[in-house]
Amino acid sequence: MERVAQCHCGQLRVTVTGEPDRVYLCHCIACQRRTGSPFHHGARWRKEEVQVQGEHKIYTRTADSGFENRFHFCPNCGSNVFWEGDRAPDFCGVTVGAFGDPHFPAPTISIFEESLHDWLGFTSVTERLEGGFPMVMPAKTQT
């Protein structure tokens, strides 16, 4: 199995072989700020299963654990595509959304749930759209 992840502009690409070691969701505040989302959806592979093509810049930060994490992003579009860290030096993580694959394996681990948004989950969804928002959204009615 081979999968290719890429940044928004396509300049930075990561090719992985085999199945990921783990697929997870992280709800920590740092990941929320880094992704602009209420959680980060990631997968990791052994470094020998990962090939990087294209220019990338690195943002380094020390995690609450005290270990250093290095986030690699495209210098053109700013997309964070992959990361590596000192806590698990033999592994490389890839942002699942960068694969653009709706059939990617589902996460089996959810971490930092103390920062999980209360509304997160399908039970709160009352409207489902297959595509994006229509050009004109009807006004919500008061009940």
N, C-alpha and C. Protein backbone atom coordinates (compact mmCIF):
# COMPACT_ATOMS: atom_id res chain seq x y z
N MET A 1 0.85 -1.18 0.00
CA MET A 1 0.00 0.00 0.00
C MET A 1 0.89 1.24 0.00
N GLU A 2 0.60 2.17 -0.89
CA GLU A 2 1.32 3.44 -0.96
C GLU A 2 0.29 4.56 -0.97
N ARG A 3 0.54 5.58 -0.17
CA ARG A 3 -0.34 6.74 -0.10
C ARG A 3 0.52 7.99 -0.27
N VAL A 4 -0.08 9.05 -0.87
CA VAL A 4 0.63 10.31 -1.05
C VAL A 4 -0.18 11.43 -0.39
N ALA A 5 0.50 12.16 0.50
CA ALA A 5 -0.07 13.35 1.12
C ALA A 5 0.60 14.56 0.49
N GLN A 6 -0.11 15.66 0.44
CA GLN A 6 0.50 16.87 -0.12
C GLN A 6 -0.11 18.10 0.51
N CYS A 7 0.64 19.18 0.39
CA CYS A 7 0.16 20.47 0.88
C CYS A 7 -0.92 21.00 -0.07
N HIS A 8 -1.48 22.14 0.29
CA HIS A 8 -2.56 22.73 -0.51
C HIS A 8 -2.12 23.06 -1.93
N CYS A 9 -0.90 23.57 -2.12
CA CYS A 9 -0.45 23.95 -3.46
C CYS A 9 0.21 22.79 -4.21
N GLY A 10 0.49 21.67 -3.52
CA GLY A 10 1.06 20.49 -4.17
C GLY A 10 2.57 20.46 -4.26
N GLN A 11 3.25 21.48 -3.77
CA GLN A 11 4.70 21.55 -3.86
C GLN A 11 5.39 20.57 -2.90
N LEU A 12 4.83 20.37 -1.71
CA LEU A 12 5.38 19.47 -0.70
C LEU A 12 4.56 18.19 -0.67
N ARG A 13 5.25 17.07 -0.90
CA ARG A 13 4.56 15.77 -0.95
C ARG A 13 5.26 14.78 -0.03
N VAL A 14 4.45 13.93 0.59
CA VAL A 14 4.97 12.87 1.45
C VAL A 14 4.35 11.57 0.96
N THR A 15 5.20 10.62 0.61
CA THR A 15 4.74 9.30 0.18
C THR A 15 5.04 8.32 1.30
N VAL A 16 4.03 7.56 1.71
CA VAL A 16 4.20 6.56 2.76
C VAL A 16 3.87 5.18 2.19
N THR A 17 4.55 4.17 2.70
CA THR A 17 4.27 2.79 2.29
C THR A 17 3.81 2.00 3.49
N GLY A 18 2.93 1.06 3.24
CA GLY A 18 2.39 0.23 4.32
C GLY A 18 1.28 0.94 5.07
N GLU A 19 0.77 0.26 6.06
CA GLU A 19 -0.30 0.83 6.88
C GLU A 19 0.32 1.63 8.02
N PRO A 20 -0.39 2.66 8.50
CA PRO A 20 0.14 3.45 9.59
C PRO A 20 0.25 2.64 10.88
N ASP A 21 1.22 3.01 11.69
CA ASP A 21 1.40 2.41 13.01
C ASP A 21 0.20 2.74 13.91
N ARG A 22 -0.29 3.97 13.80
CA ARG A 22 -1.48 4.38 14.54
C ARG A 22 -2.15 5.54 13.82
N VAL A 23 -3.45 5.66 14.02
CA VAL A 23 -4.25 6.77 13.51
C VAL A 23 -4.98 7.33 14.72
N TYR A 24 -4.91 8.63 14.92
CA TYR A 24 -5.42 9.19 16.16
C TYR A 24 -5.98 10.59 15.99
N LEU A 25 -6.66 11.03 17.03
CA LEU A 25 -7.12 12.41 17.17
C LEU A 25 -6.44 12.99 18.39
N CYS A 26 -5.97 14.23 18.28
CA CYS A 26 -5.38 14.93 19.42
C CYS A 26 -6.18 16.21 19.66
N HIS A 27 -6.64 16.38 20.88
CA HIS A 27 -7.47 17.53 21.24
C HIS A 27 -6.71 18.57 22.04
N CYS A 28 -5.38 18.46 22.15
CA CYS A 28 -4.62 19.43 22.96
C CYS A 28 -4.76 20.84 22.37
N ILE A 29 -4.60 21.81 23.23
CA ILE A 29 -4.75 23.21 22.81
C ILE A 29 -3.70 23.57 21.76
N ALA A 30 -2.47 23.05 21.89
CA ALA A 30 -1.43 23.36 20.90
C ALA A 30 -1.84 22.86 19.52
N CYS A 31 -2.39 21.66 19.42
CA CYS A 31 -2.84 21.15 18.12
C CYS A 31 -4.04 21.93 17.60
N GLN A 32 -4.92 22.35 18.49
CA GLN A 32 -6.06 23.16 18.05
C GLN A 32 -5.57 24.46 17.43
N ARG A 33 -4.60 25.08 18.06
CA ARG A 33 -4.07 26.35 17.52
C ARG A 33 -3.30 26.12 16.22
N ARG A 34 -2.53 25.02 16.16
CA ARG A 34 -1.71 24.73 14.97
C ARG A 34 -2.59 24.42 13.76
N THR A 35 -3.70 23.71 13.97
CA THR A 35 -4.53 23.30 12.85
C THR A 35 -5.69 24.25 12.56
N GLY A 36 -6.03 25.10 13.53
CA GLY A 36 -7.20 25.96 13.36
C GLY A 36 -8.48 25.16 13.44
N SER A 37 -8.42 24.01 14.07
CA SER A 37 -9.54 23.08 14.17
C SER A 37 -9.65 22.61 15.62
N PRO A 38 -10.79 22.03 16.01
CA PRO A 38 -10.91 21.57 17.39
C PRO A 38 -10.09 20.31 17.71
N PHE A 39 -9.46 19.74 16.70
CA PHE A 39 -8.60 18.58 16.93
C PHE A 39 -7.65 18.39 15.76
N HIS A 40 -6.61 17.65 16.00
CA HIS A 40 -5.67 17.25 14.95
C HIS A 40 -5.93 15.78 14.64
N HIS A 41 -5.97 15.43 13.38
CA HIS A 41 -6.18 14.05 12.93
C HIS A 41 -4.87 13.60 12.28
N GLY A 42 -4.17 12.69 12.93
CA GLY A 42 -2.85 12.28 12.45
C GLY A 42 -2.67 10.79 12.33
N ALA A 43 -1.65 10.41 11.60
CA ALA A 43 -1.25 9.01 11.46
C ALA A 43 0.27 8.99 11.44
N ARG A 44 0.86 7.88 11.90
CA ARG A 44 2.31 7.84 11.89
C ARG A 44 2.82 6.53 11.30
N TRP A 45 4.01 6.66 10.70
CA TRP A 45 4.72 5.54 10.08
C TRP A 45 6.15 5.53 10.59
N ARG A 46 6.81 4.41 10.46
CA ARG A 46 8.25 4.35 10.74
C ARG A 46 8.93 5.22 9.68
N LYS A 47 10.00 5.90 10.06
CA LYS A 47 10.67 6.84 9.14
C LYS A 47 11.13 6.18 7.85
N GLU A 48 11.53 4.93 7.90
CA GLU A 48 11.97 4.26 6.67
C GLU A 48 10.82 4.01 5.69
N GLU A 49 9.58 4.21 6.12
CA GLU A 49 8.41 4.05 5.26
C GLU A 49 7.92 5.39 4.69
N VAL A 50 8.68 6.46 4.92
CA VAL A 50 8.26 7.82 4.55
C VAL A 50 9.28 8.44 3.61
N GLN A 51 8.79 9.02 2.52
CA GLN A 51 9.66 9.74 1.57
C GLN A 51 9.09 11.15 1.39
N VAL A 52 9.93 12.16 1.57
CA VAL A 52 9.52 13.56 1.47
C VAL A 52 10.08 14.15 0.19
N GLN A 53 9.23 14.90 -0.54
CA GLN A 53 9.66 15.59 -1.75
C GLN A 53 9.17 17.03 -1.67
N GLY A 54 10.05 17.96 -1.97
CA GLY A 54 9.67 19.37 -1.99
C GLY A 54 10.27 20.13 -0.82
N GLU A 55 10.26 21.44 -0.98
CA GLU A 55 10.78 22.31 0.06
C GLU A 55 9.84 22.35 1.25
N HIS A 56 10.43 22.50 2.43
CA HIS A 56 9.61 22.68 3.62
C HIS A 56 10.39 23.46 4.66
N LYS A 57 9.65 24.17 5.47
CA LYS A 57 10.21 24.88 6.61
C LYS A 57 9.79 24.13 7.86
N ILE A 58 10.47 24.43 8.96
CA ILE A 58 10.22 23.71 10.20
C ILE A 58 9.88 24.69 11.32
N TYR A 59 8.81 24.37 12.04
CA TYR A 59 8.49 25.08 13.27
C TYR A 59 8.72 24.09 14.41
N THR A 60 9.57 24.47 15.37
CA THR A 60 9.91 23.60 16.49
C THR A 60 9.28 24.14 17.76
N ARG A 61 8.70 23.23 18.54
CA ARG A 61 8.17 23.63 19.84
C ARG A 61 8.38 22.51 20.84
N THR A 62 8.49 22.89 22.09
CA THR A 62 8.62 21.91 23.16
C THR A 62 7.22 21.60 23.68
N ALA A 63 6.88 20.32 23.68
CA ALA A 63 5.56 19.88 24.15
C ALA A 63 5.50 19.92 25.67
N ASP A 64 4.30 19.79 26.23
CA ASP A 64 4.13 19.76 27.68
C ASP A 64 4.94 18.63 28.31
N SER A 65 5.19 17.58 27.53
CA SER A 65 5.97 16.43 28.01
C SER A 65 7.45 16.77 28.17
N GLY A 66 7.89 17.90 27.58
CA GLY A 66 9.29 18.27 27.61
C GLY A 66 10.04 17.84 26.36
N PHE A 67 9.42 17.04 25.52
CA PHE A 67 10.04 16.59 24.27
C PHE A 67 9.83 17.63 23.18
N GLU A 68 10.78 17.70 22.25
CA GLU A 68 10.71 18.64 21.15
C GLU A 68 9.95 18.01 19.97
N ASN A 69 9.06 18.79 19.36
CA ASN A 69 8.34 18.40 18.15
C ASN A 69 8.73 19.35 17.03
N ARG A 70 8.91 18.81 15.82
CA ARG A 70 9.25 19.60 14.65
C ARG A 70 8.16 19.42 13.60
N PHE A 71 7.47 20.51 13.30
CA PHE A 71 6.37 20.50 12.33
C PHE A 71 6.88 21.04 11.00
N HIS A 72 6.72 20.27 9.95
CA HIS A 72 7.22 20.63 8.63
C HIS A 72 6.05 21.16 7.79
N PHE A 73 6.23 22.33 7.24
CA PHE A 73 5.16 22.95 6.47
C PHE A 73 5.68 23.53 5.16
N CYS A 74 4.79 23.71 4.22
CA CYS A 74 5.13 24.25 2.90
C CYS A 74 5.42 25.75 3.02
N PRO A 75 6.55 26.21 2.48
CA PRO A 75 6.85 27.64 2.54
C PRO A 75 5.98 28.47 1.59
N ASN A 76 5.32 27.82 0.64
CA ASN A 76 4.45 28.55 -0.30
C ASN A 76 3.05 28.76 0.24
N CYS A 77 2.39 27.66 0.66
CA CYS A 77 0.98 27.76 1.08
C CYS A 77 0.79 27.66 2.59
N GLY A 78 1.82 27.25 3.31
CA GLY A 78 1.75 27.20 4.77
C GLY A 78 1.15 25.93 5.34
N SER A 79 0.75 24.99 4.50
CA SER A 79 0.14 23.75 5.01
C SER A 79 1.14 22.94 5.82
N ASN A 80 0.73 22.53 7.02
CA ASN A 80 1.52 21.61 7.84
C ASN A 80 1.22 20.20 7.33
N VAL A 81 2.24 19.49 6.85
CA VAL A 81 2.02 18.19 6.23
C VAL A 81 2.55 17.04 7.08
N PHE A 82 3.71 17.23 7.71
CA PHE A 82 4.25 16.13 8.52
C PHE A 82 5.04 16.67 9.69
N TRP A 83 5.35 15.80 10.64
CA TRP A 83 6.10 16.19 11.82
C TRP A 83 6.89 15.01 12.33
N GLU A 84 7.82 15.34 13.19
CA GLU A 84 8.64 14.34 13.86
C GLU A 84 8.96 14.89 15.23
N GLY A 85 9.34 14.01 16.15
CA GLY A 85 9.61 14.48 17.49
C GLY A 85 10.56 13.57 18.24
N ASP A 86 11.09 14.10 19.32
CA ASP A 86 12.06 13.37 20.12
C ASP A 86 11.45 12.28 20.98
N ARG A 87 10.15 12.34 21.24
CA ARG A 87 9.51 11.31 22.05
C ARG A 87 9.48 9.98 21.32
N ALA A 88 9.29 9.99 20.02
CA ALA A 88 9.25 8.78 19.19
C ALA A 88 10.14 9.02 17.97
N PRO A 89 11.45 9.02 18.14
CA PRO A 89 12.37 9.43 17.07
C PRO A 89 12.39 8.52 15.85
N ASP A 90 11.86 7.33 15.94
CA ASP A 90 11.85 6.41 14.79
C ASP A 90 10.62 6.58 13.91
N PHE A 91 9.73 7.52 14.28
CA PHE A 91 8.46 7.67 13.56
C PHE A 91 8.32 9.06 12.96
N CYS A 92 7.49 9.14 11.93
CA CYS A 92 7.14 10.39 11.28
C CYS A 92 5.62 10.42 11.18
N GLY A 93 5.02 11.51 11.60
CA GLY A 93 3.57 11.66 11.52
C GLY A 93 3.17 12.45 10.30
N VAL A 94 1.99 12.15 9.78
CA VAL A 94 1.46 12.86 8.61
C VAL A 94 0.03 13.28 8.93
N THR A 95 -0.32 14.50 8.56
CA THR A 95 -1.68 14.99 8.74
C THR A 95 -2.60 14.23 7.82
N VAL A 96 -3.61 13.57 8.38
CA VAL A 96 -4.49 12.71 7.58
C VAL A 96 -5.21 13.50 6.49
N GLY A 97 -5.61 14.72 6.77
CA GLY A 97 -6.29 15.53 5.76
C GLY A 97 -5.45 15.79 4.53
N ALA A 98 -4.12 15.74 4.65
CA ALA A 98 -3.24 15.97 3.50
C ALA A 98 -3.32 14.83 2.49
N PHE A 99 -3.86 13.69 2.89
CA PHE A 99 -4.03 12.59 1.93
C PHE A 99 -5.25 12.81 1.03
N GLY A 100 -6.21 13.60 1.48
CA GLY A 100 -7.42 13.84 0.69
C GLY A 100 -8.16 12.54 0.39
N ASP A 101 -8.18 11.62 1.34
CA ASP A 101 -8.76 10.29 1.14
C ASP A 101 -9.88 10.05 2.15
N PRO A 102 -11.15 10.13 1.70
CA PRO A 102 -12.26 9.92 2.63
C PRO A 102 -12.36 8.48 3.13
N HIS A 103 -11.58 7.57 2.56
CA HIS A 103 -11.60 6.17 2.99
C HIS A 103 -10.39 5.80 3.84
N PHE A 104 -9.64 6.81 4.28
CA PHE A 104 -8.49 6.57 5.14
C PHE A 104 -8.97 5.86 6.41
N PRO A 105 -8.18 4.97 6.99
CA PRO A 105 -8.61 4.28 8.21
C PRO A 105 -9.02 5.26 9.31
N ALA A 106 -10.06 4.93 10.01
CA ALA A 106 -10.58 5.78 11.09
C ALA A 106 -9.61 5.78 12.28
N PRO A 107 -9.63 6.87 13.04
CA PRO A 107 -8.77 6.91 14.23
C PRO A 107 -9.23 5.88 15.26
N THR A 108 -8.25 5.32 15.96
CA THR A 108 -8.56 4.36 17.03
C THR A 108 -8.15 4.89 18.39
N ILE A 109 -7.48 6.04 18.41
CA ILE A 109 -7.01 6.63 19.66
C ILE A 109 -7.42 8.10 19.70
N SER A 110 -7.87 8.56 20.86
CA SER A 110 -8.21 9.96 21.07
C SER A 110 -7.46 10.43 22.30
N ILE A 111 -6.62 11.46 22.13
CA ILE A 111 -5.77 11.91 23.24
C ILE A 111 -6.07 13.35 23.63
N PHE A 112 -5.67 13.72 24.82
CA PHE A 112 -5.89 15.04 25.42
C PHE A 112 -7.38 15.40 25.42
N GLU A 113 -8.19 14.42 25.83
CA GLU A 113 -9.63 14.65 25.84
C GLU A 113 -10.08 15.67 26.88
N GLU A 114 -9.19 16.07 27.79
CA GLU A 114 -9.57 17.13 28.72
C GLU A 114 -9.82 18.44 27.97
N SER A 115 -9.30 18.56 26.74
CA SER A 115 -9.52 19.74 25.91
C SER A 115 -10.52 19.49 24.79
N LEU A 116 -11.18 18.35 24.82
CA LEU A 116 -12.16 17.99 23.78
C LEU A 116 -13.34 18.96 23.83
N HIS A 117 -13.76 19.45 22.70
CA HIS A 117 -14.90 20.36 22.64
C HIS A 117 -16.17 19.58 22.98
N ASP A 118 -17.02 20.16 23.82
CA ASP A 118 -18.23 19.47 24.29
C ASP A 118 -19.16 19.06 23.15
N TRP A 119 -19.21 19.84 22.09
CA TRP A 119 -20.14 19.58 21.00
C TRP A 119 -19.63 18.56 20.00
N LEU A 120 -18.35 18.17 20.13
CA LEU A 120 -17.75 17.31 19.13
C LEU A 120 -18.40 15.92 19.14
N GLY A 121 -18.87 15.51 18.01
CA GLY A 121 -19.51 14.21 17.87
C GLY A 121 -20.73 14.33 16.98
N PHE A 122 -21.15 13.22 16.45
CA PHE A 122 -22.26 13.25 15.52
C PHE A 122 -23.60 13.48 16.20
N THR A 123 -23.69 13.30 17.50
CA THR A 123 -24.96 13.50 18.18
C THR A 123 -25.42 14.95 18.12
N SER A 124 -24.50 15.89 17.96
CA SER A 124 -24.88 17.30 17.91
C SER A 124 -25.22 17.78 16.51
N VAL A 125 -24.98 16.97 15.50
CA VAL A 125 -25.22 17.38 14.11
C VAL A 125 -26.69 17.22 13.79
N THR A 126 -27.32 18.34 13.42
CA THR A 126 -28.74 18.29 13.07
C THR A 126 -28.96 18.51 11.57
N GLU A 127 -27.93 18.92 10.88
CA GLU A 127 -28.03 19.15 9.44
C GLU A 127 -26.80 18.56 8.78
N ARG A 128 -27.04 17.76 7.75
CA ARG A 128 -25.94 17.11 7.04
C ARG A 128 -26.00 17.48 5.57
N LEU A 129 -24.86 17.94 5.04
CA LEU A 129 -24.77 18.33 3.64
C LEU A 129 -23.72 17.47 2.96
N GLU A 130 -24.04 16.89 1.82
CA GLU A 130 -23.05 16.08 1.10
C GLU A 130 -21.92 16.94 0.57
N GLY A 131 -22.24 18.11 0.10
CA GLY A 131 -21.23 19.03 -0.41
C GLY A 131 -21.06 20.19 0.55
N GLY A 132 -20.67 21.34 0.01
CA GLY A 132 -20.49 22.54 0.82
C GLY A 132 -21.80 23.25 1.07
N PHE A 133 -21.70 24.42 1.67
CA PHE A 133 -22.89 25.20 1.92
C PHE A 133 -23.48 25.70 0.59
N PRO A 134 -24.81 25.74 0.49
CA PRO A 134 -25.41 26.32 -0.72
C PRO A 134 -25.09 27.81 -0.79
N MET A 135 -25.25 28.39 -1.97
CA MET A 135 -24.95 29.80 -2.15
C MET A 135 -25.75 30.67 -1.18
N VAL A 136 -27.00 30.34 -0.96
CA VAL A 136 -27.84 31.08 -0.03
C VAL A 136 -28.37 30.09 0.99
N MET A 137 -28.01 30.30 2.23
CA MET A 137 -28.49 29.44 3.30
C MET A 137 -29.79 30.02 3.83
N PRO A 138 -30.81 29.19 4.00
CA PRO A 138 -32.05 29.71 4.60
C PRO A 138 -31.78 30.12 6.04
N ALA A 139 -32.49 31.16 6.47
CA ALA A 139 -32.32 31.64 7.85
C ALA A 139 -32.83 30.59 8.80
N LYS A 140 -32.18 30.47 9.95
CA LYS A 140 -32.62 29.53 10.98
C LYS A 140 -33.89 30.08 11.58
N THR A 141 -34.82 29.21 11.84
CA THR A 141 -36.06 29.63 12.47
C THR A 141 -35.96 29.39 13.96
N GLN A 142 -36.56 30.27 14.73
CA GLN A 142 -36.56 30.13 16.18
C GLN A 142 -37.60 29.07 16.55
N THR A 143 -37.25 28.23 17.50
CA THR A 143 -38.23 27.22 17.95
C THR A 143 -38.59 27.45 19.39
